[in-house]
Amino acid sequence: MKIILHSYTFRDYTLEAAFKSALRFGWDAMELQGAHFDQTNLDSELDRCMVIGEKYATPIHCVDFSADFINDDPKIVQKSIDLLEKNIDVCATKSVHLMNGFTGFLVSDPQDFGKNGSALATDAHYERSAEALRHLGNVASKHGVYLTLEIHMNTIHDTIASTARLLDLVGSDHVLATPDPGNMFSTSTAEKSPEALDVLKDRIGHFHLKNCREENGHFSYSVRLADGHIDTYRYLEKLDALDYNGAVCVEYCGEGDPQVAAQQDIKYVRNCLEWLIEGRPDP
């Protein structure tokens, strides 16, 4: 299983700093996040990023996208479709076969993720997104690219159940899910058990890891993978049981020096994968 570093971990640093740490600490590849490139000029931007990756012997495994398929204005929706269709071709040309992202955001209460996203979504929001993704899934299939929808707060795919609903409507083998237990932890309507991943079964195309700690209703992401309230090992154990053969990408969203997270988190993930092979005893 490849262990990928999310470039958002180094959002306040240059992309070169992220790649340099990836090489230093032995990460297998990079997920390229929007903090480090302009998706409206991906053709030249991806070339630039790949040159840096080659300098530090770390390939780009995934390129992120942000779209708005749920907008009431069909012109805005079409603009997002056109851009992503173009960028699918760019990624395929440069041998990047995974794109991870969002279909748009719905927010009524910035302080309570459970009141946003799928809690606000109507059938129309799902249908608009599904229509766009059916077309783009067909384009992605022809190019050998997979699109994954990150389970993320404030989107209509902010829970496993709502993501499965959207994937059912799309019905494409090239449009899959990216579960993120860290995002789900702070979304009150989202599932909190690794067993909930059974709903997605063979439709997991990518997987994100971050940890979170809850104290008196406040959620903090300034914790390492081993230190928060999420048992990361249990999620990796579940992925193994589901015969997941994709990558896991670690994204540190907290404060402080990201190099410390980049150094410590990969050691913990490696330990978890070794425990899976050796058979870690239950507590």
C-alpha atoms as a PDB file:
ATOM      1  CA  MET A   1       0.000   0.000   0.000  1.00  0.00           C
ATOM      2  CA  LYS A   2       1.493   3.352  -1.035  1.00  0.00           C
ATOM      3  CA  ILE A   3       1.737   6.033   1.647  1.00  0.00           C
ATOM      4  CA  ILE A   4       1.147   9.463   0.145  1.00  0.00           C
ATOM      5  CA  LEU A   5       1.896  12.899   1.576  1.00  0.00           C
ATOM      6  CA  HIS A   6      -0.820  15.511   1.028  1.00  0.00           C
ATOM      7  CA  SER A   7       0.764  18.785  -0.040  1.00  0.00           C
ATOM      8  CA  TYR A   8      -1.804  20.706   2.064  1.00  0.00           C
ATOM      9  CA  THR A   9       0.308  19.642   5.031  1.00  0.00           C
ATOM     10  CA  PHE A  10       2.800  22.251   3.748  1.00  0.00           C
ATOM     11  CA  ARG A  11       0.168  24.825   2.744  1.00  0.00           C
ATOM     12  CA  ASP A  12       2.176  27.678   4.326  1.00  0.00           C
ATOM     13  CA  TYR A  13       5.409  26.499   2.700  1.00  0.00           C
ATOM     14  CA  THR A  14       6.593  26.119  -0.859  1.00  0.00           C
ATOM     15  CA  LEU A  15       5.861  22.956  -2.809  1.00  0.00           C
ATOM     16  CA  GLU A  16       9.608  22.345  -2.893  1.00  0.00           C
ATOM     17  CA  ALA A  17       9.618  22.189   0.916  1.00  0.00           C
ATOM     18  CA  ALA A  18       6.881  19.542   0.766  1.00  0.00           C
ATOM     19  CA  PHE A  19       8.746  17.417  -1.767  1.00  0.00           C
ATOM     20  CA  LYS A  20      11.997  17.817   0.136  1.00  0.00           C
ATOM     21  CA  SER A  21      10.352  16.443   3.288  1.00  0.00           C
ATOM     22  CA  ALA A  22       8.718  13.658   1.307  1.00  0.00           C
ATOM     23  CA  LEU A  23      12.125  12.487   0.160  1.00  0.00           C
ATOM     24  CA  ARG A  24      13.756  12.951   3.557  1.00  0.00           C
ATOM     25  CA  PHE A  25      11.155  10.906   5.420  1.00  0.00           C
ATOM     26  CA  GLY A  26      10.479   8.277   2.772  1.00  0.00           C
ATOM     27  CA  TRP A  27       6.985   9.069   1.484  1.00  0.00           C
ATOM     28  CA  ASP A  28       6.045   7.166  -1.685  1.00  0.00           C
ATOM     29  CA  ALA A  29       4.361  10.008  -3.571  1.00  0.00           C
ATOM     30  CA  MET A  30       2.525  13.326  -3.291  1.00  0.00           C
ATOM     31  CA  GLU A  31      -1.095  14.413  -3.547  1.00  0.00           C
ATOM     32  CA  LEU A  32      -1.055  17.868  -5.100  1.00  0.00           C
ATOM     33  CA  GLN A  33      -3.456  20.300  -3.423  1.00  0.00           C
ATOM     34  CA  GLY A  34      -4.736  23.636  -4.686  1.00  0.00           C
ATOM     35  CA  ALA A  35      -2.574  25.623  -2.282  1.00  0.00           C
ATOM     36  CA  HIS A  36       0.364  24.755  -4.553  1.00  0.00           C
ATOM     37  CA  PHE A  37      -1.020  25.089  -8.074  1.00  0.00           C
ATOM     38  CA  ASP A  38      -3.571  26.884 -10.233  1.00  0.00           C
ATOM     39  CA  GLN A  39      -6.110  24.408 -11.595  1.00  0.00           C
ATOM     40  CA  THR A  40      -7.186  26.865 -14.312  1.00  0.00           C
ATOM     41  CA  ASN A  41      -3.706  26.518 -15.851  1.00  0.00           C
ATOM     42  CA  LEU A  42      -3.002  22.893 -15.059  1.00  0.00           C
ATOM     43  CA  ASP A  43      -1.158  22.105 -18.281  1.00  0.00           C
ATOM     44  CA  SER A  44       1.786  24.359 -17.410  1.00  0.00           C
ATOM     45  CA  GLU A  45       1.325  24.097 -13.656  1.00  0.00           C
ATOM     46  CA  LEU A  46       1.532  20.326 -13.559  1.00  0.00           C
ATOM     47  CA  ASP A  47       4.726  20.430 -15.593  1.00  0.00           C
ATOM     48  CA  ARG A  48       6.200  22.857 -13.078  1.00  0.00           C
ATOM     49  CA  CYS A  49       5.178  20.688 -10.127  1.00  0.00           C
ATOM     50  CA  MET A  50       6.447  17.497 -11.729  1.00  0.00           C
ATOM     51  CA  VAL A  51       9.875  19.053 -12.283  1.00  0.00           C
ATOM     52  CA  ILE A  52      10.084  19.714  -8.537  1.00  0.00           C
ATOM     53  CA  GLY A  53       8.885  16.194  -7.788  1.00  0.00           C
ATOM     54  CA  GLU A  54      11.508  14.700 -10.062  1.00  0.00           C
ATOM     55  CA  LYS A  55      14.196  16.750  -8.307  1.00  0.00           C
ATOM     56  CA  TYR A  56      13.252  15.017  -5.053  1.00  0.00           C
ATOM     57  CA  ALA A  57      12.489  11.596  -6.542  1.00  0.00           C
ATOM     58  CA  THR A  58       8.826  11.767  -5.459  1.00  0.00           C
ATOM     59  CA  PRO A  59       6.094  11.323  -8.083  1.00  0.00           C
ATOM     60  CA  ILE A  60       2.693  13.028  -8.072  1.00  0.00           C
ATOM     61  CA  HIS A  61       0.107  10.349  -7.410  1.00  0.00           C
ATOM     62  CA  CYS A  62      -3.015  12.508  -7.311  1.00  0.00           C
ATOM     63  CA  VAL A  63      -4.104  15.997  -8.409  1.00  0.00           C
ATOM     64  CA  ASP A  64      -6.921  17.709  -6.524  1.00  0.00           C
ATOM     65  CA  PHE A  65      -9.847  19.515  -8.135  1.00  0.00           C
ATOM     66  CA  SER A  66     -12.563  21.821  -6.893  1.00  0.00           C
ATOM     67  CA  ALA A  67     -15.787  22.111  -8.863  1.00  0.00           C
ATOM     68  CA  ASP A  68     -19.276  23.565  -8.475  1.00  0.00           C
ATOM     69  CA  PHE A  69     -21.797  21.148  -9.928  1.00  0.00           C
ATOM     70  CA  ILE A  70     -24.562  22.073  -7.464  1.00  0.00           C
ATOM     71  CA  ASN A  71     -24.905  25.749  -8.414  1.00  0.00           C
ATOM     72  CA  ASP A  72     -28.319  27.053  -9.486  1.00  0.00           C
ATOM     73  CA  ASP A  73     -26.646  28.813 -12.426  1.00  0.00           C
ATOM     74  CA  PRO A  74     -26.123  26.309 -15.283  1.00  0.00           C
ATOM     75  CA  LYS A  75     -23.335  28.486 -16.726  1.00  0.00           C
ATOM     76  CA  ILE A  76     -21.285  28.068 -13.546  1.00  0.00           C
ATOM     77  CA  VAL A  77     -21.899  24.328 -13.566  1.00  0.00           C
ATOM     78  CA  GLN A  78     -20.844  24.059 -17.202  1.00  0.00           C
ATOM     79  CA  LYS A  79     -17.698  26.083 -16.534  1.00  0.00           C
ATOM     80  CA  SER A  80     -16.708  23.560 -13.858  1.00  0.00           C
ATOM     81  CA  ILE A  81     -17.458  20.644 -16.173  1.00  0.00           C
ATOM     82  CA  ASP A  82     -15.406  22.134 -18.994  1.00  0.00           C
ATOM     83  CA  LEU A  83     -12.416  22.827 -16.736  1.00  0.00           C
ATOM     84  CA  LEU A  84     -12.389  19.369 -15.192  1.00  0.00           C
ATOM     85  CA  GLU A  85     -12.786  17.713 -18.587  1.00  0.00           C
ATOM     86  CA  LYS A  86      -9.773  19.669 -19.806  1.00  0.00           C
ATOM     87  CA  ASN A  87      -7.763  18.765 -16.706  1.00  0.00           C
ATOM     88  CA  ILE A  88      -8.591  15.080 -16.993  1.00  0.00           C
ATOM     89  CA  ASP A  89      -6.886  15.165 -20.367  1.00  0.00           C
ATOM     90  CA  VAL A  90      -3.908  17.050 -18.897  1.00  0.00           C
ATOM     91  CA  CYS A  91      -3.476  14.494 -16.105  1.00  0.00           C
ATOM     92  CA  ALA A  92      -3.789  11.557 -18.492  1.00  0.00           C
ATOM     93  CA  THR A  93      -1.201  13.052 -20.820  1.00  0.00           C
ATOM     94  CA  LYS A  94       1.231  13.386 -17.921  1.00  0.00           C
ATOM     95  CA  SER A  95       0.475   9.898 -16.523  1.00  0.00           C
ATOM     96  CA  VAL A  96      -1.360  11.038 -13.400  1.00  0.00           C
ATOM     97  CA  HIS A  97      -4.375   8.774 -13.171  1.00  0.00           C
ATOM     98  CA  LEU A  98      -6.142   9.993 -10.020  1.00  0.00           C
ATOM     99  CA  MET A  99      -7.991  13.246  -9.332  1.00  0.00           C
ATOM    100  CA  ASN A 100      -9.608  13.923  -5.962  1.00  0.00           C
ATOM    101  CA  GLY A 101     -12.029  16.696  -5.157  1.00  0.00           C
ATOM    102  CA  PHE A 102     -15.396  18.242  -4.441  1.00  0.00           C
ATOM    103  CA  THR A 103     -18.670  18.921  -6.249  1.00  0.00           C
ATOM    104  CA  GLY A 104     -19.438  22.180  -4.445  1.00  0.00           C
ATOM    105  CA  PHE A 105     -20.227  23.526  -0.972  1.00  0.00           C
ATOM    106  CA  LEU A 106     -23.438  24.280   0.930  1.00  0.00           C
ATOM    107  CA  VAL A 107     -23.032  26.235   4.169  1.00  0.00           C
ATOM    108  CA  SER A 108     -25.629  27.774   6.495  1.00  0.00           C
ATOM    109  CA  ASP A 109     -23.763  27.487   9.813  1.00  0.00           C
ATOM    110  CA  PRO A 110     -19.939  27.694   9.622  1.00  0.00           C
ATOM    111  CA  GLN A 111     -19.709  26.579  13.265  1.00  0.00           C
ATOM    112  CA  ASP A 112     -21.648  23.329  12.864  1.00  0.00           C
ATOM    113  CA  PHE A 113     -20.696  21.100   9.928  1.00  0.00           C
ATOM    114  CA  GLY A 114     -23.652  18.813  10.639  1.00  0.00           C
ATOM    115  CA  LYS A 115     -26.035  21.580   9.556  1.00  0.00           C
ATOM    116  CA  ASN A 116     -24.340  22.036   6.201  1.00  0.00           C
ATOM    117  CA  GLY A 117     -23.601  19.961   3.107  1.00  0.00           C
ATOM    118  CA  SER A 118     -25.902  16.965   2.734  1.00  0.00           C
ATOM    119  CA  ALA A 119     -28.146  18.300   5.513  1.00  0.00           C
ATOM    120  CA  LEU A 120     -29.047  21.177   3.182  1.00  0.00           C
ATOM    121  CA  ALA A 121     -28.952  19.272  -0.101  1.00  0.00           C
ATOM    122  CA  THR A 122     -32.043  18.793  -2.224  1.00  0.00           C
ATOM    123  CA  ASP A 123     -32.701  16.177  -4.877  1.00  0.00           C
ATOM    124  CA  ALA A 124     -31.791  18.858  -7.429  1.00  0.00           C
ATOM    125  CA  HIS A 125     -28.281  19.199  -5.973  1.00  0.00           C
ATOM    126  CA  TYR A 126     -27.709  15.464  -6.285  1.00  0.00           C
ATOM    127  CA  GLU A 127     -29.135  15.309  -9.793  1.00  0.00           C
ATOM    128  CA  ARG A 128     -27.002  18.198 -11.036  1.00  0.00           C
ATOM    129  CA  SER A 129     -23.863  16.656  -9.590  1.00  0.00           C
ATOM    130  CA  ALA A 130     -24.739  13.207 -10.898  1.00  0.00           C
ATOM    131  CA  GLU A 131     -25.399  14.516 -14.390  1.00  0.00           C
ATOM    132  CA  ALA A 132     -22.031  16.281 -14.470  1.00  0.00           C
ATOM    133  CA  LEU A 133     -20.202  13.289 -13.032  1.00  0.00           C
ATOM    134  CA  ARG A 134     -21.823  10.802 -15.420  1.00  0.00           C
ATOM    135  CA  HIS A 135     -20.385  12.807 -18.302  1.00  0.00           C
ATOM    136  CA  LEU A 136     -17.004  13.285 -16.645  1.00  0.00           C
ATOM    137  CA  GLY A 137     -16.857   9.648 -15.594  1.00  0.00           C
ATOM    138  CA  ASN A 138     -17.197   8.684 -19.228  1.00  0.00           C
ATOM    139  CA  VAL A 139     -14.423  11.119 -20.175  1.00  0.00           C
ATOM    140  CA  ALA A 140     -12.214   9.840 -17.338  1.00  0.00           C
ATOM    141  CA  SER A 141     -12.793   6.233 -18.402  1.00  0.00           C
ATOM    142  CA  LYS A 142     -11.599   6.968 -21.941  1.00  0.00           C
ATOM    143  CA  HIS A 143      -8.451   8.589 -20.526  1.00  0.00           C
ATOM    144  CA  GLY A 144      -7.699   5.960 -17.896  1.00  0.00           C
ATOM    145  CA  VAL A 145      -8.252   8.478 -15.078  1.00  0.00           C
ATOM    146  CA  TYR A 146     -10.261   7.992 -11.868  1.00  0.00           C
ATOM    147  CA  LEU A 147     -12.185  10.793 -10.167  1.00  0.00           C
ATOM    148  CA  THR A 148     -12.713  10.458  -6.426  1.00  0.00           C
ATOM    149  CA  LEU A 149     -15.096  12.454  -4.250  1.00  0.00           C
ATOM    150  CA  GLU A 150     -13.594  13.306  -0.891  1.00  0.00           C
ATOM    151  CA  ILE A 151     -15.933  12.848   2.052  1.00  0.00           C
ATOM    152  CA  HIS A 152     -15.588  16.398   3.276  1.00  0.00           C
ATOM    153  CA  MET A 153     -17.514  18.719   5.536  1.00  0.00           C
ATOM    154  CA  ASN A 154     -19.933  21.182   3.849  1.00  0.00           C
ATOM    155  CA  THR A 155     -20.248  19.117   0.647  1.00  0.00           C
ATOM    156  CA  ILE A 156     -23.208  16.973  -0.376  1.00  0.00           C
ATOM    157  CA  HIS A 157     -20.790  14.033  -0.009  1.00  0.00           C
ATOM    158  CA  ASP A 158     -19.945  14.740   3.643  1.00  0.00           C
ATOM    159  CA  THR A 159     -21.038  11.334   4.947  1.00  0.00           C
ATOM    160  CA  ILE A 160     -20.590   7.791   3.718  1.00  0.00           C
ATOM    161  CA  ALA A 161     -24.336   7.501   3.159  1.00  0.00           C
ATOM    162  CA  SER A 162     -24.624  10.684   1.083  1.00  0.00           C
ATOM    163  CA  THR A 163     -21.518   9.771  -0.908  1.00  0.00           C
ATOM    164  CA  ALA A 164     -22.976   6.333  -1.655  1.00  0.00           C
ATOM    165  CA  ARG A 165     -26.222   8.006  -2.753  1.00  0.00           C
ATOM    166  CA  LEU A 166     -24.349  10.211  -5.227  1.00  0.00           C
ATOM    167  CA  LEU A 167     -22.218   7.345  -6.528  1.00  0.00           C
ATOM    168  CA  ASP A 168     -25.370   5.268  -7.051  1.00  0.00           C
ATOM    169  CA  LEU A 169     -26.815   8.058  -9.188  1.00  0.00           C
ATOM    170  CA  VAL A 170     -23.593   8.398 -11.206  1.00  0.00           C
ATOM    171  CA  GLY A 171     -23.034   4.690 -11.778  1.00  0.00           C
ATOM    172  CA  SER A 172     -19.487   4.964 -13.121  1.00  0.00           C
ATOM    173  CA  ASP A 173     -16.520   2.731 -12.292  1.00  0.00           C
ATOM    174  CA  HIS A 174     -14.331   5.800 -12.769  1.00  0.00           C
ATOM    175  CA  VAL A 175     -16.106   7.971 -10.173  1.00  0.00           C
ATOM    176  CA  LEU A 176     -15.315   6.664  -6.692  1.00  0.00           C
ATOM    177  CA  ALA A 177     -15.033   7.793  -3.070  1.00  0.00           C
ATOM    178  CA  THR A 178     -12.238   9.124  -0.872  1.00  0.00           C
ATOM    179  CA  PRO A 179     -13.282   8.445   2.726  1.00  0.00           C
ATOM    180  CA  ASP A 180     -11.690  10.760   5.278  1.00  0.00           C
ATOM    181  CA  PRO A 181     -12.340   9.723   8.905  1.00  0.00           C
ATOM    182  CA  GLY A 182     -10.872  13.017  10.133  1.00  0.00           C
ATOM    183  CA  ASN A 183     -13.403  15.056   8.187  1.00  0.00           C
ATOM    184  CA  MET A 184     -16.227  12.788   9.297  1.00  0.00           C
ATOM    185  CA  PHE A 185     -15.200  13.037  12.956  1.00  0.00           C
ATOM    186  CA  SER A 186     -16.166  16.722  13.167  1.00  0.00           C
ATOM    187  CA  THR A 187     -19.351  16.326  11.099  1.00  0.00           C
ATOM    188  CA  SER A 188     -22.102  15.321  13.509  1.00  0.00           C
ATOM    189  CA  THR A 189     -24.195  13.635  10.818  1.00  0.00           C
ATOM    190  CA  ALA A 190     -21.308  11.505   9.535  1.00  0.00           C
ATOM    191  CA  GLU A 191     -20.472   7.935  10.434  1.00  0.00           C
ATOM    192  CA  LYS A 192     -17.831   7.336  13.120  1.00  0.00           C
ATOM    193  CA  SER A 193     -17.134   3.606  12.745  1.00  0.00           C
ATOM    194  CA  PRO A 194     -14.784   1.868  10.290  1.00  0.00           C
ATOM    195  CA  GLU A 195     -17.567  -0.700   9.753  1.00  0.00           C
ATOM    196  CA  ALA A 196     -19.547   1.978   7.914  1.00  0.00           C
ATOM    197  CA  LEU A 197     -17.054   1.671   5.041  1.00  0.00           C
ATOM    198  CA  ASP A 198     -18.846  -1.552   4.061  1.00  0.00           C
ATOM    199  CA  VAL A 199     -21.465   0.625   2.357  1.00  0.00           C
ATOM    200  CA  LEU A 200     -18.844   1.734  -0.167  1.00  0.00           C
ATOM    201  CA  LYS A 201     -17.191  -1.681  -0.601  1.00  0.00           C
ATOM    202  CA  ASP A 202     -15.444  -1.681  -4.009  1.00  0.00           C
ATOM    203  CA  ARG A 203     -16.103   2.023  -4.576  1.00  0.00           C
ATOM    204  CA  ILE A 204     -13.193   3.369  -2.533  1.00  0.00           C
ATOM    205  CA  GLY A 205     -10.685   4.846  -4.964  1.00  0.00           C
ATOM    206  CA  HIS A 206      -8.499   6.747  -2.523  1.00  0.00           C
ATOM    207  CA  PHE A 207      -8.246   7.189   1.245  1.00  0.00           C
ATOM    208  CA  HIS A 208      -7.305  10.131   3.464  1.00  0.00           C
ATOM    209  CA  LEU A 209      -5.918   9.971   6.982  1.00  0.00           C
ATOM    210  CA  LYS A 210      -5.834  12.783   9.513  1.00  0.00           C
ATOM    211  CA  ASN A 211      -6.637  12.798  13.201  1.00  0.00           C
ATOM    212  CA  CYS A 212      -8.769  15.067  15.339  1.00  0.00           C
ATOM    213  CA  ARG A 213      -9.464  15.695  19.008  1.00  0.00           C
ATOM    214  CA  GLU A 214     -12.766  16.872  20.477  1.00  0.00           C
ATOM    215  CA  GLU A 215     -12.870  18.848  23.705  1.00  0.00           C
ATOM    216  CA  ASN A 216     -16.113  20.416  24.926  1.00  0.00           C
ATOM    217  CA  GLY A 217     -17.518  20.641  21.428  1.00  0.00           C
ATOM    218  CA  HIS A 218     -14.346  22.092  19.925  1.00  0.00           C
ATOM    219  CA  PHE A 219     -12.525  20.087  17.262  1.00  0.00           C
ATOM    220  CA  SER A 220      -8.760  20.394  16.959  1.00  0.00           C
ATOM    221  CA  TYR A 221      -6.712  18.990  14.069  1.00  0.00           C
ATOM    222  CA  SER A 222      -3.390  19.910  15.694  1.00  0.00           C
ATOM    223  CA  VAL A 223      -2.696  16.266  16.548  1.00  0.00           C
ATOM    224  CA  ARG A 224      -0.593  13.556  14.930  1.00  0.00           C
ATOM    225  CA  LEU A 225      -2.182  10.418  13.517  1.00  0.00           C
ATOM    226  CA  ALA A 226      -1.367   8.437  16.656  1.00  0.00           C
ATOM    227  CA  ASP A 227      -2.561  11.067  19.124  1.00  0.00           C
ATOM    228  CA  GLY A 228      -6.150  12.059  18.360  1.00  0.00           C
ATOM    229  CA  HIS A 229      -9.501  10.478  19.159  1.00  0.00           C
ATOM    230  CA  ILE A 230      -9.618   8.460  15.919  1.00  0.00           C
ATOM    231  CA  ASP A 231      -8.137   4.961  15.976  1.00  0.00           C
ATOM    232  CA  THR A 232      -6.331   5.103  12.646  1.00  0.00           C
ATOM    233  CA  TYR A 233      -5.231   1.491  12.927  1.00  0.00           C
ATOM    234  CA  ARG A 234      -8.856   0.319  12.910  1.00  0.00           C
ATOM    235  CA  TYR A 235      -9.475   2.101   9.617  1.00  0.00           C
ATOM    236  CA  LEU A 236      -6.395   0.575   8.034  1.00  0.00           C
ATOM    237  CA  GLU A 237      -7.493  -2.793   9.367  1.00  0.00           C
ATOM    238  CA  LYS A 238     -10.887  -2.300   7.723  1.00  0.00           C
ATOM    239  CA  LEU A 239      -9.320  -1.306   4.417  1.00  0.00           C
ATOM    240  CA  ASP A 240      -7.292  -4.484   4.524  1.00  0.00           C
ATOM    241  CA  ALA A 241     -10.443  -6.529   5.181  1.00  0.00           C
ATOM    242  CA  LEU A 242     -12.098  -4.847   2.178  1.00  0.00           C
ATOM    243  CA  ASP A 243      -9.096  -5.781  -0.021  1.00  0.00           C
ATOM    244  CA  TYR A 244      -8.441  -2.125  -0.754  1.00  0.00           C
ATOM    245  CA  ASN A 245      -5.401  -1.846  -3.019  1.00  0.00           C
ATOM    246  CA  GLY A 246      -5.120   1.908  -3.455  1.00  0.00           C
ATOM    247  CA  ALA A 247      -3.001   4.446  -1.609  1.00  0.00           C
ATOM    248  CA  VAL A 248      -3.493   6.110   1.759  1.00  0.00           C
ATOM    249  CA  CYS A 249      -2.776   9.814   1.879  1.00  0.00           C
ATOM    250  CA  VAL A 250      -1.899  11.592   5.124  1.00  0.00           C
ATOM    251  CA  GLU A 251      -3.004  15.210   5.456  1.00  0.00           C
ATOM    252  CA  TYR A 252      -1.956  17.261   8.479  1.00  0.00           C
ATOM    253  CA  CYS A 253      -4.318  20.216   8.936  1.00  0.00           C
ATOM    254  CA  GLY A 254      -3.141  21.485  12.310  1.00  0.00           C
ATOM    255  CA  GLU A 255      -0.813  24.210  13.474  1.00  0.00           C
ATOM    256  CA  GLY A 256       2.919  24.078  14.072  1.00  0.00           C
ATOM    257  CA  ASP A 257       5.832  22.724  12.082  1.00  0.00           C
ATOM    258  CA  PRO A 258       4.515  20.431   9.317  1.00  0.00           C
ATOM    259  CA  GLN A 259       7.871  18.663   9.044  1.00  0.00           C
ATOM    260  CA  VAL A 260       7.299  17.136  12.478  1.00  0.00           C
ATOM    261  CA  ALA A 261       3.981  15.713  11.275  1.00  0.00           C
ATOM    262  CA  ALA A 262       5.563  14.526   8.029  1.00  0.00           C
ATOM    263  CA  GLN A 263       8.275  12.728   9.996  1.00  0.00           C
ATOM    264  CA  GLN A 264       6.105  11.171  12.709  1.00  0.00           C
ATOM    265  CA  ASP A 265       2.960  10.246  10.780  1.00  0.00           C
ATOM    266  CA  ILE A 266       4.644   8.078   8.165  1.00  0.00           C
ATOM    267  CA  LYS A 267       6.395   6.100  10.912  1.00  0.00           C
ATOM    268  CA  TYR A 268       3.049   5.444  12.562  1.00  0.00           C
ATOM    269  CA  VAL A 269       1.384   4.358   9.303  1.00  0.00           C
ATOM    270  CA  ARG A 270       4.284   2.018   8.561  1.00  0.00           C
ATOM    271  CA  ASN A 271       3.934   0.536  12.024  1.00  0.00           C
ATOM    272  CA  CYS A 272       0.212   0.030  11.478  1.00  0.00           C
ATOM    273  CA  LEU A 273       0.812  -1.766   8.188  1.00  0.00           C
ATOM    274  CA  GLU A 274       3.435  -3.987   9.865  1.00  0.00           C
ATOM    275  CA  TRP A 275       0.946  -4.799  12.633  1.00  0.00           C
ATOM    276  CA  LEU A 276      -1.615  -5.790  10.008  1.00  0.00           C
ATOM    277  CA  ILE A 277       0.855  -8.286   8.560  1.00  0.00           C
ATOM    278  CA  GLU A 278       1.994  -9.586  11.924  1.00  0.00           C
ATOM    279  CA  GLY A 279      -1.464  -9.602  13.513  1.00  0.00           C
ATOM    280  CA  ARG A 280      -1.720  -6.982  16.252  1.00  0.00           C
ATOM    281  CA  PRO A 281      -3.625  -8.381  19.269  1.00  0.00           C
ATOM    282  CA  ASP A 282      -6.832  -6.703  20.349  1.00  0.00           C
ATOM    283  CA  PRO A 283      -6.473  -4.536  23.482  1.00  0.00           C
END
